[in-house]
Amino acid sequence: MDNRNILISGAGIAGTTLAFWLKKFGFNPTIIEVAPKLREGGYAIDFMGTGYDVAEKMDIVDELKKVDIDFSKLTFVDKTNKEKGSMNYQKIKSFLKGRAYTLLRSDLAKVIYNSLGKDIEVIFGDTINNIEQDDEKVVVTFQNGTKRNFDLLVGADGLHSNVRDLAFGGIWKRNTI
């Protein structure tokens, strides 16, 4: 297959994971991210099940363990901060044989990003301004004025996707909740 040059818009969890697997299977992914660096912060997520299985295949479980928010109890409170219930989170982890973490989204993204290696091009601080497509390629114009050809463009750029806006205009927004 000759179509191996793939541009991924978005350096979050989806974009970096896709780049990892594309590279593993012989493709040449490039990531473009509008932010000047990896995003920090974000909310905590439970990481278990299929996500854990994939992390094992990516060989990043040890790095994820280092950023686990290893708490013992999840407490539910009302608007006055009075405890209304709780769960022993360590029992849940024990039931799952330790195959569960609680991670900040940004920590998960950083671990995946760090697993990419140096041979995947990542462009920070730029975005896509224009998309043109023909039968053989996608011509992308970046905000900085650079034009490049790719075989495929993937929008992994989140809820307010620039790629969806450019490809479909406002149509997709009217048909979503």
C-alpha atoms as a PDB file:
ATOM      1  CA  MET A   1       0.000   0.000   0.000  1.00  0.00           C
ATOM      2  CA  ASP A   2       1.441   3.344  -1.039  1.00  0.00           C
ATOM      3  CA  ASN A   3      -0.842   5.638   0.973  1.00  0.00           C
ATOM      4  CA  ARG A   4       1.226   5.825   4.118  1.00  0.00           C
ATOM      5  CA  ASN A   5       1.546   9.545   4.965  1.00  0.00           C
ATOM      6  CA  ILE A   6      -1.157  10.438   7.434  1.00  0.00           C
ATOM      7  CA  LEU A   7      -1.802  13.771   9.149  1.00  0.00           C
ATOM      8  CA  ILE A   8      -3.524  13.627  12.534  1.00  0.00           C
ATOM      9  CA  SER A   9      -5.015  16.846  13.865  1.00  0.00           C
ATOM     10  CA  GLY A  10      -4.825  16.729  17.660  1.00  0.00           C
ATOM     11  CA  ALA A  11      -2.126  15.603  20.097  1.00  0.00           C
ATOM     12  CA  GLY A  12      -4.507  14.396  22.782  1.00  0.00           C
ATOM     13  CA  ILE A  13      -5.191  10.804  23.791  1.00  0.00           C
ATOM     14  CA  ALA A  14      -6.853   9.785  20.513  1.00  0.00           C
ATOM     15  CA  GLY A  15      -4.348  11.455  18.194  1.00  0.00           C
ATOM     16  CA  THR A  16      -1.228  10.175  19.919  1.00  0.00           C
ATOM     17  CA  THR A  17      -2.639   6.655  20.307  1.00  0.00           C
ATOM     18  CA  LEU A  18      -3.521   6.562  16.615  1.00  0.00           C
ATOM     19  CA  ALA A  19      -0.023   7.785  15.695  1.00  0.00           C
ATOM     20  CA  PHE A  20       1.521   5.045  17.880  1.00  0.00           C
ATOM     21  CA  TRP A  21      -0.405   2.261  16.141  1.00  0.00           C
ATOM     22  CA  LEU A  22      -0.014   3.687  12.657  1.00  0.00           C
ATOM     23  CA  LYS A  23       3.766   3.824  13.116  1.00  0.00           C
ATOM     24  CA  LYS A  24       3.797   0.288  14.483  1.00  0.00           C
ATOM     25  CA  PHE A  25       2.072  -0.947  11.329  1.00  0.00           C
ATOM     26  CA  GLY A  26       4.386   0.844   8.905  1.00  0.00           C
ATOM     27  CA  PHE A  27       2.643   4.166   8.316  1.00  0.00           C
ATOM     28  CA  ASN A  28       4.212   7.614   8.522  1.00  0.00           C
ATOM     29  CA  PRO A  29       2.027   9.688  10.866  1.00  0.00           C
ATOM     30  CA  THR A  30       2.429  13.404  11.485  1.00  0.00           C
ATOM     31  CA  ILE A  31       0.561  15.139  14.318  1.00  0.00           C
ATOM     32  CA  ILE A  32      -0.422  18.810  14.288  1.00  0.00           C
ATOM     33  CA  GLU A  33      -1.577  20.464  17.530  1.00  0.00           C
ATOM     34  CA  VAL A  34      -2.846  24.015  17.882  1.00  0.00           C
ATOM     35  CA  ALA A  35      -1.575  24.306  21.470  1.00  0.00           C
ATOM     36  CA  PRO A  36       2.090  25.311  21.849  1.00  0.00           C
ATOM     37  CA  LYS A  37       2.795  22.176  23.932  1.00  0.00           C
ATOM     38  CA  LEU A  38       0.951  19.222  25.421  1.00  0.00           C
ATOM     39  CA  ARG A  39      -2.010  20.353  27.451  1.00  0.00           C
ATOM     40  CA  GLU A  40      -1.818  20.080  31.228  1.00  0.00           C
ATOM     41  CA  GLY A  41      -4.441  19.498  33.895  1.00  0.00           C
ATOM     42  CA  GLY A  42      -7.846  18.178  33.013  1.00  0.00           C
ATOM     43  CA  TYR A  43     -10.099  15.952  34.993  1.00  0.00           C
ATOM     44  CA  ALA A  44      -9.424  12.514  36.412  1.00  0.00           C
ATOM     45  CA  ILE A  45     -10.575   9.408  34.571  1.00  0.00           C
ATOM     46  CA  ASP A  46     -10.864   5.777  35.577  1.00  0.00           C
ATOM     47  CA  PHE A  47      -8.547   3.669  33.451  1.00  0.00           C
ATOM     48  CA  MET A  48      -9.293  -0.051  33.315  1.00  0.00           C
ATOM     49  CA  GLY A  49     -10.698  -2.798  31.103  1.00  0.00           C
ATOM     50  CA  THR A  50      -9.991  -2.409  27.400  1.00  0.00           C
ATOM     51  CA  GLY A  51      -7.916   0.741  27.970  1.00  0.00           C
ATOM     52  CA  TYR A  52      -5.636  -1.201  30.306  1.00  0.00           C
ATOM     53  CA  ASP A  53      -5.385  -4.040  27.772  1.00  0.00           C
ATOM     54  CA  VAL A  54      -4.320  -1.598  25.053  1.00  0.00           C
ATOM     55  CA  ALA A  55      -1.812   0.067  27.406  1.00  0.00           C
ATOM     56  CA  GLU A  56      -0.233  -3.350  27.969  1.00  0.00           C
ATOM     57  CA  LYS A  57       0.116  -3.841  24.211  1.00  0.00           C
ATOM     58  CA  MET A  58       1.681  -0.378  23.964  1.00  0.00           C
ATOM     59  CA  ASP A  59       4.044  -1.290  26.836  1.00  0.00           C
ATOM     60  CA  ILE A  60       3.161   1.843  28.842  1.00  0.00           C
ATOM     61  CA  VAL A  61       1.593   0.312  31.967  1.00  0.00           C
ATOM     62  CA  ASP A  62       4.680   0.965  34.127  1.00  0.00           C
ATOM     63  CA  GLU A  63       4.644   4.649  33.158  1.00  0.00           C
ATOM     64  CA  LEU A  64       0.904   4.903  33.837  1.00  0.00           C
ATOM     65  CA  LYS A  65       1.402   3.399  37.291  1.00  0.00           C
ATOM     66  CA  LYS A  66       3.787   6.269  38.094  1.00  0.00           C
ATOM     67  CA  VAL A  67       1.031   8.859  37.463  1.00  0.00           C
ATOM     68  CA  ASP A  68      -1.815   6.922  39.105  1.00  0.00           C
ATOM     69  CA  ILE A  69      -3.798   9.013  41.587  1.00  0.00           C
ATOM     70  CA  ASP A  70      -3.730   6.248  44.137  1.00  0.00           C
ATOM     71  CA  PHE A  71      -6.586   7.221  46.425  1.00  0.00           C
ATOM     72  CA  SER A  72      -8.353   4.919  48.830  1.00  0.00           C
ATOM     73  CA  LYS A  73     -11.878   6.276  49.123  1.00  0.00           C
ATOM     74  CA  LEU A  74     -14.307   8.007  46.780  1.00  0.00           C
ATOM     75  CA  THR A  75     -16.692  10.203  48.757  1.00  0.00           C
ATOM     76  CA  PHE A  76     -20.027  11.581  47.574  1.00  0.00           C
ATOM     77  CA  VAL A  77     -21.120  14.843  49.204  1.00  0.00           C
ATOM     78  CA  ASP A  78     -24.133  17.131  48.966  1.00  0.00           C
ATOM     79  CA  LYS A  79     -24.054  20.864  48.221  1.00  0.00           C
ATOM     80  CA  THR A  80     -23.169  21.578  51.869  1.00  0.00           C
ATOM     81  CA  ASN A  81     -20.194  19.198  51.638  1.00  0.00           C
ATOM     82  CA  LYS A  82     -21.867  16.641  53.928  1.00  0.00           C
ATOM     83  CA  GLU A  83     -20.891  13.062  53.116  1.00  0.00           C
ATOM     84  CA  LYS A  84     -23.784  11.114  51.579  1.00  0.00           C
ATOM     85  CA  GLY A  85     -21.915   7.947  50.666  1.00  0.00           C
ATOM     86  CA  SER A  86     -18.573   6.506  49.722  1.00  0.00           C
ATOM     87  CA  MET A  87     -16.804   3.665  47.928  1.00  0.00           C
ATOM     88  CA  ASN A  88     -13.631   1.907  48.921  1.00  0.00           C
ATOM     89  CA  TYR A  89     -11.657   2.369  45.718  1.00  0.00           C
ATOM     90  CA  GLN A  90      -8.882   0.014  46.824  1.00  0.00           C
ATOM     91  CA  LYS A  91     -11.439  -2.820  46.953  1.00  0.00           C
ATOM     92  CA  ILE A  92     -12.407  -2.049  43.369  1.00  0.00           C
ATOM     93  CA  LYS A  93      -8.746  -2.150  42.343  1.00  0.00           C
ATOM     94  CA  SER A  94      -8.291  -5.408  44.228  1.00  0.00           C
ATOM     95  CA  PHE A  95     -11.321  -6.921  42.493  1.00  0.00           C
ATOM     96  CA  LEU A  96      -9.750  -5.916  39.159  1.00  0.00           C
ATOM     97  CA  LYS A  97      -6.426  -7.488  40.249  1.00  0.00           C
ATOM     98  CA  GLY A  98      -4.696  -4.098  40.221  1.00  0.00           C
ATOM     99  CA  ARG A  99      -5.566  -3.526  36.560  1.00  0.00           C
ATOM    100  CA  ALA A 100      -7.115  -0.123  37.238  1.00  0.00           C
ATOM    101  CA  TYR A 101      -5.760   3.379  37.625  1.00  0.00           C
ATOM    102  CA  THR A 102      -7.177   6.822  38.123  1.00  0.00           C
ATOM    103  CA  LEU A 103      -5.327   9.246  35.893  1.00  0.00           C
ATOM    104  CA  LEU A 104      -5.480  12.872  34.893  1.00  0.00           C
ATOM    105  CA  ARG A 105      -6.341  13.020  31.194  1.00  0.00           C
ATOM    106  CA  SER A 106      -3.226  15.114  30.595  1.00  0.00           C
ATOM    107  CA  ASP A 107      -1.020  12.517  32.330  1.00  0.00           C
ATOM    108  CA  LEU A 108      -2.424   9.757  30.129  1.00  0.00           C
ATOM    109  CA  ALA A 109      -1.835  11.872  27.015  1.00  0.00           C
ATOM    110  CA  LYS A 110       1.729  12.665  28.130  1.00  0.00           C
ATOM    111  CA  VAL A 111       2.589   9.007  28.733  1.00  0.00           C
ATOM    112  CA  ILE A 112       1.273   8.057  25.293  1.00  0.00           C
ATOM    113  CA  TYR A 113       3.085  11.010  23.682  1.00  0.00           C
ATOM    114  CA  ASN A 114       6.363  10.033  25.366  1.00  0.00           C
ATOM    115  CA  SER A 115       6.007   6.509  23.942  1.00  0.00           C
ATOM    116  CA  LEU A 116       5.961   7.778  20.343  1.00  0.00           C
ATOM    117  CA  GLY A 117       9.697   8.065  19.889  1.00  0.00           C
ATOM    118  CA  LYS A 118      11.564  10.622  17.822  1.00  0.00           C
ATOM    119  CA  ASP A 119      10.582   9.401  14.359  1.00  0.00           C
ATOM    120  CA  ILE A 120       7.002  10.717  14.515  1.00  0.00           C
ATOM    121  CA  GLU A 121       6.789  14.375  13.524  1.00  0.00           C
ATOM    122  CA  VAL A 122       4.738  16.490  15.924  1.00  0.00           C
ATOM    123  CA  ILE A 123       3.992  20.108  15.051  1.00  0.00           C
ATOM    124  CA  PHE A 124       2.930  22.255  18.013  1.00  0.00           C
ATOM    125  CA  GLY A 125       1.489  25.768  17.845  1.00  0.00           C
ATOM    126  CA  ASP A 126      -0.061  25.477  14.402  1.00  0.00           C
ATOM    127  CA  THR A 127      -3.359  24.390  12.923  1.00  0.00           C
ATOM    128  CA  ILE A 128      -4.977  23.577   9.601  1.00  0.00           C
ATOM    129  CA  ASN A 129      -6.380  26.544   7.667  1.00  0.00           C
ATOM    130  CA  ASN A 130      -7.491  24.819   4.475  1.00  0.00           C
ATOM    131  CA  ILE A 131      -8.117  21.315   3.146  1.00  0.00           C
ATOM    132  CA  GLU A 132      -8.187  20.384  -0.537  1.00  0.00           C
ATOM    133  CA  GLN A 133      -8.686  16.835  -1.719  1.00  0.00           C
ATOM    134  CA  ASP A 134      -8.433  14.985  -5.014  1.00  0.00           C
ATOM    135  CA  ASP A 135      -8.337  11.287  -5.935  1.00  0.00           C
ATOM    136  CA  GLU A 136      -4.704  10.936  -4.888  1.00  0.00           C
ATOM    137  CA  LYS A 137      -4.012  13.227  -1.951  1.00  0.00           C
ATOM    138  CA  VAL A 138      -5.140  15.693   0.655  1.00  0.00           C
ATOM    139  CA  VAL A 139      -3.462  19.090   0.378  1.00  0.00           C
ATOM    140  CA  VAL A 140      -3.368  20.809   3.734  1.00  0.00           C
ATOM    141  CA  THR A 141      -2.491  24.454   4.282  1.00  0.00           C
ATOM    142  CA  PHE A 142      -1.311  25.206   7.780  1.00  0.00           C
ATOM    143  CA  GLN A 143      -1.950  28.500   9.520  1.00  0.00           C
ATOM    144  CA  ASN A 144       1.737  29.383   9.114  1.00  0.00           C
ATOM    145  CA  GLY A 145       1.270  29.223   5.314  1.00  0.00           C
ATOM    146  CA  THR A 146       3.007  25.890   4.713  1.00  0.00           C
ATOM    147  CA  LYS A 147       1.270  23.542   2.239  1.00  0.00           C
ATOM    148  CA  ARG A 148       1.809  19.790   2.496  1.00  0.00           C
ATOM    149  CA  ASN A 149       0.400  16.695   0.852  1.00  0.00           C
ATOM    150  CA  PHE A 150      -0.869  13.709   2.805  1.00  0.00           C
ATOM    151  CA  ASP A 151      -2.625  10.500   1.850  1.00  0.00           C
ATOM    152  CA  LEU A 152      -5.153  10.806   4.673  1.00  0.00           C
ATOM    153  CA  LEU A 153      -6.232  13.397   7.227  1.00  0.00           C
ATOM    154  CA  VAL A 154      -7.700  12.331  10.564  1.00  0.00           C
ATOM    155  CA  GLY A 155      -9.488  14.785  12.838  1.00  0.00           C
ATOM    156  CA  ALA A 156      -8.704  13.801  16.429  1.00  0.00           C
ATOM    157  CA  ASP A 157      -9.059  17.373  17.582  1.00  0.00           C
ATOM    158  CA  GLY A 158     -11.910  17.106  20.010  1.00  0.00           C
ATOM    159  CA  LEU A 159     -15.399  18.405  20.482  1.00  0.00           C
ATOM    160  CA  HIS A 160     -14.855  21.698  18.662  1.00  0.00           C
ATOM    161  CA  SER A 161     -12.998  20.064  15.781  1.00  0.00           C
ATOM    162  CA  ASN A 162     -11.300  22.382  13.334  1.00  0.00           C
ATOM    163  CA  VAL A 163     -11.065  19.520  10.825  1.00  0.00           C
ATOM    164  CA  ARG A 164     -14.843  18.894  10.954  1.00  0.00           C
ATOM    165  CA  ASP A 165     -15.473  22.626  10.479  1.00  0.00           C
ATOM    166  CA  LEU A 166     -13.203  22.756   7.441  1.00  0.00           C
ATOM    167  CA  ALA A 167     -14.470  19.510   5.908  1.00  0.00           C
ATOM    168  CA  PHE A 168     -18.192  19.863   6.600  1.00  0.00           C
ATOM    169  CA  GLY A 169     -18.802  23.485   7.593  1.00  0.00           C
ATOM    170  CA  GLY A 170     -21.680  24.161   9.960  1.00  0.00           C
ATOM    171  CA  ILE A 171     -23.667  21.155   8.698  1.00  0.00           C
ATOM    172  CA  TRP A 172     -22.285  18.752  11.291  1.00  0.00           C
ATOM    173  CA  LYS A 173     -23.134  21.141  14.138  1.00  0.00           C
ATOM    174  CA  ARG A 174     -26.812  21.324  13.159  1.00  0.00           C
ATOM    175  CA  ASN A 175     -27.101  17.539  13.175  1.00  0.00           C
ATOM    176  CA  THR A 176     -25.584  16.929  16.593  1.00  0.00           C
ATOM    177  CA  ILE A 177     -26.905  17.375  20.082  1.00  0.00           C
END
